[in-house]
Amino acid sequence: MTTAEQIYERIKKMPESALQDISRFIESLDWDESEATTRDLMLASEAVLAKDWLNPEEDKAWQHL
């Protein structure tokens, strides 16, 4: 029996209140993964963007802010 099947068998026997908690937990896992993906993309693009942003022309263009 797969892990998913084992979880399904256990969930079938649980009360609705427990299922609501489980649903919220699963949503939090999805959210964490989404945040991790966003963070990873940000970190991956940082070096490439730094080449464009970290130069004297950019410093001059933004010095008034």
C-alpha atoms as a PDB file:
ATOM      1  CA  MET A   1       0.000   0.000   0.000  1.00  0.00           C
ATOM      2  CA  THR A   2       1.377   3.416  -0.939  1.00  0.00           C
ATOM      3  CA  THR A   3       1.756   6.243   1.538  1.00  0.00           C
ATOM      4  CA  ALA A   4      -1.124   8.091  -0.120  1.00  0.00           C
ATOM      5  CA  GLU A   5      -3.348   5.034   0.237  1.00  0.00           C
ATOM      6  CA  GLN A   6      -2.410   4.648   3.901  1.00  0.00           C
ATOM      7  CA  ILE A   7      -3.216   8.298   4.555  1.00  0.00           C
ATOM      8  CA  TYR A   8      -6.515   7.987   2.701  1.00  0.00           C
ATOM      9  CA  GLU A   9      -7.545   4.957   4.759  1.00  0.00           C
ATOM     10  CA  ARG A  10      -6.808   6.789   7.997  1.00  0.00           C
ATOM     11  CA  ILE A  11      -8.534   9.984   6.883  1.00  0.00           C
ATOM     12  CA  LYS A  12     -11.737   8.128   5.969  1.00  0.00           C
ATOM     13  CA  LYS A  13     -12.176   7.281   9.661  1.00  0.00           C
ATOM     14  CA  MET A  14     -11.587  10.781  11.064  1.00  0.00           C
ATOM     15  CA  PRO A  15     -14.229  13.274  12.214  1.00  0.00           C
ATOM     16  CA  GLU A  16     -14.937  16.406  10.182  1.00  0.00           C
ATOM     17  CA  SER A  17     -13.148  18.662  12.679  1.00  0.00           C
ATOM     18  CA  ALA A  18      -9.928  16.691  12.232  1.00  0.00           C
ATOM     19  CA  LEU A  19     -10.316  16.850   8.457  1.00  0.00           C
ATOM     20  CA  GLN A  20     -10.530  20.638   8.626  1.00  0.00           C
ATOM     21  CA  ASP A  21      -7.247  20.715  10.557  1.00  0.00           C
ATOM     22  CA  ILE A  22      -5.642  18.365   8.047  1.00  0.00           C
ATOM     23  CA  SER A  23      -6.856  20.519   5.173  1.00  0.00           C
ATOM     24  CA  ARG A  24      -5.321  23.635   6.733  1.00  0.00           C
ATOM     25  CA  PHE A  25      -2.067  21.760   7.293  1.00  0.00           C
ATOM     26  CA  ILE A  26      -1.933  20.655   3.650  1.00  0.00           C
ATOM     27  CA  GLU A  27      -2.603  24.230   2.529  1.00  0.00           C
ATOM     28  CA  SER A  28       0.286  25.438   4.691  1.00  0.00           C
ATOM     29  CA  LEU A  29       2.588  22.912   3.014  1.00  0.00           C
ATOM     30  CA  ASP A  30       1.542  24.176  -0.416  1.00  0.00           C
ATOM     31  CA  TRP A  31       2.151  27.772   0.707  1.00  0.00           C
ATOM     32  CA  ASP A  32       5.617  26.942   2.033  1.00  0.00           C
ATOM     33  CA  GLU A  33       6.549  25.345  -1.267  1.00  0.00           C
ATOM     34  CA  SER A  34       5.301  28.380  -3.184  1.00  0.00           C
ATOM     35  CA  GLU A  35       7.323  30.709  -0.967  1.00  0.00           C
ATOM     36  CA  ALA A  36      10.407  28.536  -1.396  1.00  0.00           C
ATOM     37  CA  THR A  37      10.034  28.652  -5.172  1.00  0.00           C
ATOM     38  CA  THR A  38       9.699  32.432  -5.099  1.00  0.00           C
ATOM     39  CA  ARG A  39      12.747  32.754  -2.843  1.00  0.00           C
ATOM     40  CA  ASP A  40      14.788  30.420  -5.052  1.00  0.00           C
ATOM     41  CA  LEU A  41      13.903  32.405  -8.175  1.00  0.00           C
ATOM     42  CA  MET A  42      14.801  35.657  -6.444  1.00  0.00           C
ATOM     43  CA  LEU A  43      18.184  34.323  -5.351  1.00  0.00           C
ATOM     44  CA  ALA A  44      18.893  32.836  -8.770  1.00  0.00           C
ATOM     45  CA  SER A  45      18.216  36.129 -10.541  1.00  0.00           C
ATOM     46  CA  GLU A  46      20.144  38.302  -8.078  1.00  0.00           C
ATOM     47  CA  ALA A  47      23.573  37.832  -9.683  1.00  0.00           C
ATOM     48  CA  VAL A  48      22.252  38.482 -13.188  1.00  0.00           C
ATOM     49  CA  LEU A  49      20.387  41.618 -12.134  1.00  0.00           C
ATOM     50  CA  ALA A  50      23.385  42.871 -10.157  1.00  0.00           C
ATOM     51  CA  LYS A  51      25.348  43.139 -13.417  1.00  0.00           C
ATOM     52  CA  ASP A  52      22.795  45.665 -14.690  1.00  0.00           C
ATOM     53  CA  TRP A  53      22.126  47.482 -11.436  1.00  0.00           C
ATOM     54  CA  LEU A  54      25.530  47.720  -9.812  1.00  0.00           C
ATOM     55  CA  ASN A  55      27.240  50.131 -12.145  1.00  0.00           C
ATOM     56  CA  PRO A  56      28.056  53.864 -12.154  1.00  0.00           C
ATOM     57  CA  GLU A  57      25.304  54.730 -14.661  1.00  0.00           C
ATOM     58  CA  GLU A  58      22.625  53.240 -12.418  1.00  0.00           C
ATOM     59  CA  ASP A  59      24.073  54.948  -9.349  1.00  0.00           C
ATOM     60  CA  LYS A  60      23.909  58.296 -11.132  1.00  0.00           C
ATOM     61  CA  ALA A  61      20.377  57.681 -12.413  1.00  0.00           C
ATOM     62  CA  TRP A  62      19.068  56.895  -8.922  1.00  0.00           C
ATOM     63  CA  GLN A  63      21.147  59.251  -6.773  1.00  0.00           C
ATOM     64  CA  HIS A  64      18.273  61.749  -6.379  1.00  0.00           C
ATOM     65  CA  LEU A  65      16.104  59.203  -4.543  1.00  0.00           C
END
